[in-house]
Amino acid sequence: DFGFAGPYETAAMDEEFVSRARTFGLHFRKGETSIATTNFALAEDFHALGFVGLALMLSCLAETSTSNTSAATTQSVPATDEDSLQRLLGEIFDKDVKGQFRDYVAAEDCWAKVVD
């Protein structure tokens, strides 16, 4: 049990789901299941999965530095959770992955080689 997962039929009962669909021009009634609701639910899942993939890539390829003065590892990796990445890409960099977000990643020491 992932806690957030459930059948798409129950998603169509969620007012927030219906509201998000309306922002993309999809109109259906709460509780109505159709190809449109199924496709929108899948699209939301794939959208979220893209951020999971991006977070995994940035986390795995990050080069963390170690401090010689202490036994502890100093981690200087910026936040890579889904909410942080969505905010960066959606609100700050206006979905410009190849330009502004790439420059942001290149500017971080731990990710400098990711964009080389």
C-alpha atoms as a PDB file:
ATOM      1  CA  ASP A   1       0.000   0.000   0.000  1.00  0.00           C
ATOM      2  CA  PHE A   2       1.700   3.187  -1.201  1.00  0.00           C
ATOM      3  CA  GLY A   3      -0.856   5.375   0.570  1.00  0.00           C
ATOM      4  CA  PHE A   4      -1.415   7.556  -2.491  1.00  0.00           C
ATOM      5  CA  ALA A   5      -2.185   4.912  -5.104  1.00  0.00           C
ATOM      6  CA  GLY A   6      -5.668   3.844  -5.992  1.00  0.00           C
ATOM      7  CA  PRO A   7      -7.923   2.920  -8.866  1.00  0.00           C
ATOM      8  CA  TYR A   8      -8.522   5.664 -11.414  1.00  0.00           C
ATOM      9  CA  GLU A   9     -12.265   5.326 -10.826  1.00  0.00           C
ATOM     10  CA  THR A  10     -11.786   6.816  -7.364  1.00  0.00           C
ATOM     11  CA  ALA A  11      -9.696   9.658  -8.837  1.00  0.00           C
ATOM     12  CA  ALA A  12     -12.726  10.723 -10.860  1.00  0.00           C
ATOM     13  CA  MET A  13     -14.589  11.128  -7.554  1.00  0.00           C
ATOM     14  CA  ASP A  14     -11.966  13.594  -6.295  1.00  0.00           C
ATOM     15  CA  GLU A  15     -12.948  17.233  -6.759  1.00  0.00           C
ATOM     16  CA  GLU A  16      -9.293  18.312  -7.004  1.00  0.00           C
ATOM     17  CA  PHE A  17      -8.715  15.820  -9.836  1.00  0.00           C
ATOM     18  CA  VAL A  18     -11.727  17.184 -11.721  1.00  0.00           C
ATOM     19  CA  SER A  19     -10.528  20.741 -11.080  1.00  0.00           C
ATOM     20  CA  ARG A  20      -7.019  19.982 -12.396  1.00  0.00           C
ATOM     21  CA  ALA A  21      -8.544  18.405 -15.501  1.00  0.00           C
ATOM     22  CA  ARG A  22     -10.574  21.564 -16.128  1.00  0.00           C
ATOM     23  CA  THR A  23      -7.384  23.632 -16.218  1.00  0.00           C
ATOM     24  CA  PHE A  24      -6.394  21.546 -19.256  1.00  0.00           C
ATOM     25  CA  GLY A  25      -9.753  22.027 -20.954  1.00  0.00           C
ATOM     26  CA  LEU A  26     -11.201  18.647 -19.988  1.00  0.00           C
ATOM     27  CA  HIS A  27     -14.761  18.770 -18.747  1.00  0.00           C
ATOM     28  CA  PHE A  28     -16.439  15.859 -17.039  1.00  0.00           C
ATOM     29  CA  ARG A  29     -18.608  15.457 -14.018  1.00  0.00           C
ATOM     30  CA  LYS A  30     -17.303  14.289 -10.686  1.00  0.00           C
ATOM     31  CA  GLY A  31     -17.467  10.502 -10.615  1.00  0.00           C
ATOM     32  CA  GLU A  32     -17.722  10.132 -14.389  1.00  0.00           C
ATOM     33  CA  THR A  33     -15.297   7.588 -15.824  1.00  0.00           C
ATOM     34  CA  SER A  34     -14.383   7.672 -19.490  1.00  0.00           C
ATOM     35  CA  ILE A  35     -11.408   7.477 -21.797  1.00  0.00           C
ATOM     36  CA  ALA A  36     -10.741  11.159 -21.038  1.00  0.00           C
ATOM     37  CA  THR A  37     -10.564  10.599 -17.273  1.00  0.00           C
ATOM     38  CA  THR A  38      -8.372   7.539 -17.731  1.00  0.00           C
ATOM     39  CA  ASN A  39      -6.022   9.371 -20.068  1.00  0.00           C
ATOM     40  CA  PHE A  40      -5.795  12.378 -17.758  1.00  0.00           C
ATOM     41  CA  ALA A  41      -5.028  10.143 -14.754  1.00  0.00           C
ATOM     42  CA  LEU A  42      -2.301   8.398 -16.764  1.00  0.00           C
ATOM     43  CA  ALA A  43      -0.908  11.730 -17.932  1.00  0.00           C
ATOM     44  CA  GLU A  44      -0.665  12.944 -14.326  1.00  0.00           C
ATOM     45  CA  ASP A  45       1.102   9.728 -13.343  1.00  0.00           C
ATOM     46  CA  PHE A  46       3.600  10.007 -16.209  1.00  0.00           C
ATOM     47  CA  HIS A  47       4.183  13.667 -15.375  1.00  0.00           C
ATOM     48  CA  ALA A  48       4.996  12.750 -11.770  1.00  0.00           C
ATOM     49  CA  LEU A  49       7.158   9.844 -12.952  1.00  0.00           C
ATOM     50  CA  GLY A  50       9.220  12.266 -15.020  1.00  0.00           C
ATOM     51  CA  PHE A  51      10.069  14.214 -11.880  1.00  0.00           C
ATOM     52  CA  VAL A  52      10.938  10.987 -10.065  1.00  0.00           C
ATOM     53  CA  GLY A  53      13.303  10.086 -12.916  1.00  0.00           C
ATOM     54  CA  LEU A  54      14.866  13.548 -12.866  1.00  0.00           C
ATOM     55  CA  ALA A  55      15.314  13.367  -9.088  1.00  0.00           C
ATOM     56  CA  LEU A  56      16.932   9.935  -9.355  1.00  0.00           C
ATOM     57  CA  MET A  57      19.272  11.099 -12.083  1.00  0.00           C
ATOM     58  CA  LEU A  58      20.353  14.229 -10.209  1.00  0.00           C
ATOM     59  CA  SER A  59      20.749  12.351  -6.914  1.00  0.00           C
ATOM     60  CA  CYS A  60      22.710   9.455  -8.398  1.00  0.00           C
ATOM     61  CA  LEU A  61      25.005  11.583 -10.540  1.00  0.00           C
ATOM     62  CA  ALA A  62      25.714  14.157  -7.837  1.00  0.00           C
ATOM     63  CA  GLU A  63      29.320  14.296  -6.731  1.00  0.00           C
ATOM     64  CA  THR A  64      29.345  14.982  -3.019  1.00  0.00           C
ATOM     65  CA  SER A  65      32.416  16.358  -1.335  1.00  0.00           C
ATOM     66  CA  THR A  66      33.995  15.034   1.819  1.00  0.00           C
ATOM     67  CA  SER A  67      35.534  17.202   4.464  1.00  0.00           C
ATOM     68  CA  ASN A  68      39.105  16.310   5.443  1.00  0.00           C
ATOM     69  CA  THR A  69      38.735  18.019   8.817  1.00  0.00           C
ATOM     70  CA  SER A  70      36.018  15.699  10.066  1.00  0.00           C
ATOM     71  CA  ALA A  71      34.905  12.141   9.521  1.00  0.00           C
ATOM     72  CA  ALA A  72      31.449  13.293   8.470  1.00  0.00           C
ATOM     73  CA  THR A  73      30.569  13.720   4.829  1.00  0.00           C
ATOM     74  CA  THR A  74      29.499  17.195   3.842  1.00  0.00           C
ATOM     75  CA  GLN A  75      26.632  16.909   1.415  1.00  0.00           C
ATOM     76  CA  SER A  76      26.025  19.925  -0.747  1.00  0.00           C
ATOM     77  CA  VAL A  77      23.279  18.509  -2.959  1.00  0.00           C
ATOM     78  CA  PRO A  78      20.294  20.841  -3.480  1.00  0.00           C
ATOM     79  CA  ALA A  79      16.795  19.510  -2.877  1.00  0.00           C
ATOM     80  CA  THR A  80      15.679  17.014  -5.513  1.00  0.00           C
ATOM     81  CA  ASP A  81      12.243  16.108  -4.217  1.00  0.00           C
ATOM     82  CA  GLU A  82       9.310  16.263  -6.620  1.00  0.00           C
ATOM     83  CA  ASP A  83       7.832  19.451  -5.142  1.00  0.00           C
ATOM     84  CA  SER A  84      11.142  21.328  -5.314  1.00  0.00           C
ATOM     85  CA  LEU A  85      11.821  20.247  -8.895  1.00  0.00           C
ATOM     86  CA  GLN A  86       8.287  21.108  -9.997  1.00  0.00           C
ATOM     87  CA  ARG A  87       8.618  24.557  -8.440  1.00  0.00           C
ATOM     88  CA  LEU A  88      11.994  25.109 -10.090  1.00  0.00           C
ATOM     89  CA  LEU A  89      10.893  23.997 -13.529  1.00  0.00           C
ATOM     90  CA  GLY A  90       7.348  25.340 -13.474  1.00  0.00           C
ATOM     91  CA  GLU A  91       7.565  28.605 -11.597  1.00  0.00           C
ATOM     92  CA  ILE A  92      11.175  29.721 -11.632  1.00  0.00           C
ATOM     93  CA  PHE A  93      12.525  28.493 -14.980  1.00  0.00           C
ATOM     94  CA  ASP A  94       9.228  28.593 -16.884  1.00  0.00           C
ATOM     95  CA  LYS A  95       9.656  24.975 -18.101  1.00  0.00           C
ATOM     96  CA  ASP A  96      12.904  25.870 -19.898  1.00  0.00           C
ATOM     97  CA  VAL A  97      14.759  22.589 -19.339  1.00  0.00           C
ATOM     98  CA  LYS A  98      17.358  23.040 -22.086  1.00  0.00           C
ATOM     99  CA  GLY A  99      18.216  26.609 -21.115  1.00  0.00           C
ATOM    100  CA  GLN A 100      17.623  28.030 -17.661  1.00  0.00           C
ATOM    101  CA  PHE A 101      17.312  24.724 -15.759  1.00  0.00           C
ATOM    102  CA  ARG A 102      20.382  23.326 -17.509  1.00  0.00           C
ATOM    103  CA  ASP A 103      22.333  26.442 -16.508  1.00  0.00           C
ATOM    104  CA  TYR A 104      21.101  26.037 -12.915  1.00  0.00           C
ATOM    105  CA  VAL A 105      22.296  22.426 -12.825  1.00  0.00           C
ATOM    106  CA  ALA A 106      25.648  23.348 -14.390  1.00  0.00           C
ATOM    107  CA  ALA A 107      26.164  26.091 -11.798  1.00  0.00           C
ATOM    108  CA  GLU A 108      25.904  23.621  -8.905  1.00  0.00           C
ATOM    109  CA  ASP A 109      29.306  22.116  -8.100  1.00  0.00           C
ATOM    110  CA  CYS A 110      27.880  18.678  -7.365  1.00  0.00           C
ATOM    111  CA  TRP A 111      26.109  18.526 -10.771  1.00  0.00           C
ATOM    112  CA  ALA A 112      28.693  20.247 -12.963  1.00  0.00           C
ATOM    113  CA  LYS A 113      29.578  17.029 -14.823  1.00  0.00           C
ATOM    114  CA  VAL A 114      25.920  16.075 -15.334  1.00  0.00           C
ATOM    115  CA  VAL A 115      25.508  18.584 -18.164  1.00  0.00           C
ATOM    116  CA  ASP A 116      28.971  18.175 -19.705  1.00  0.00           C
END
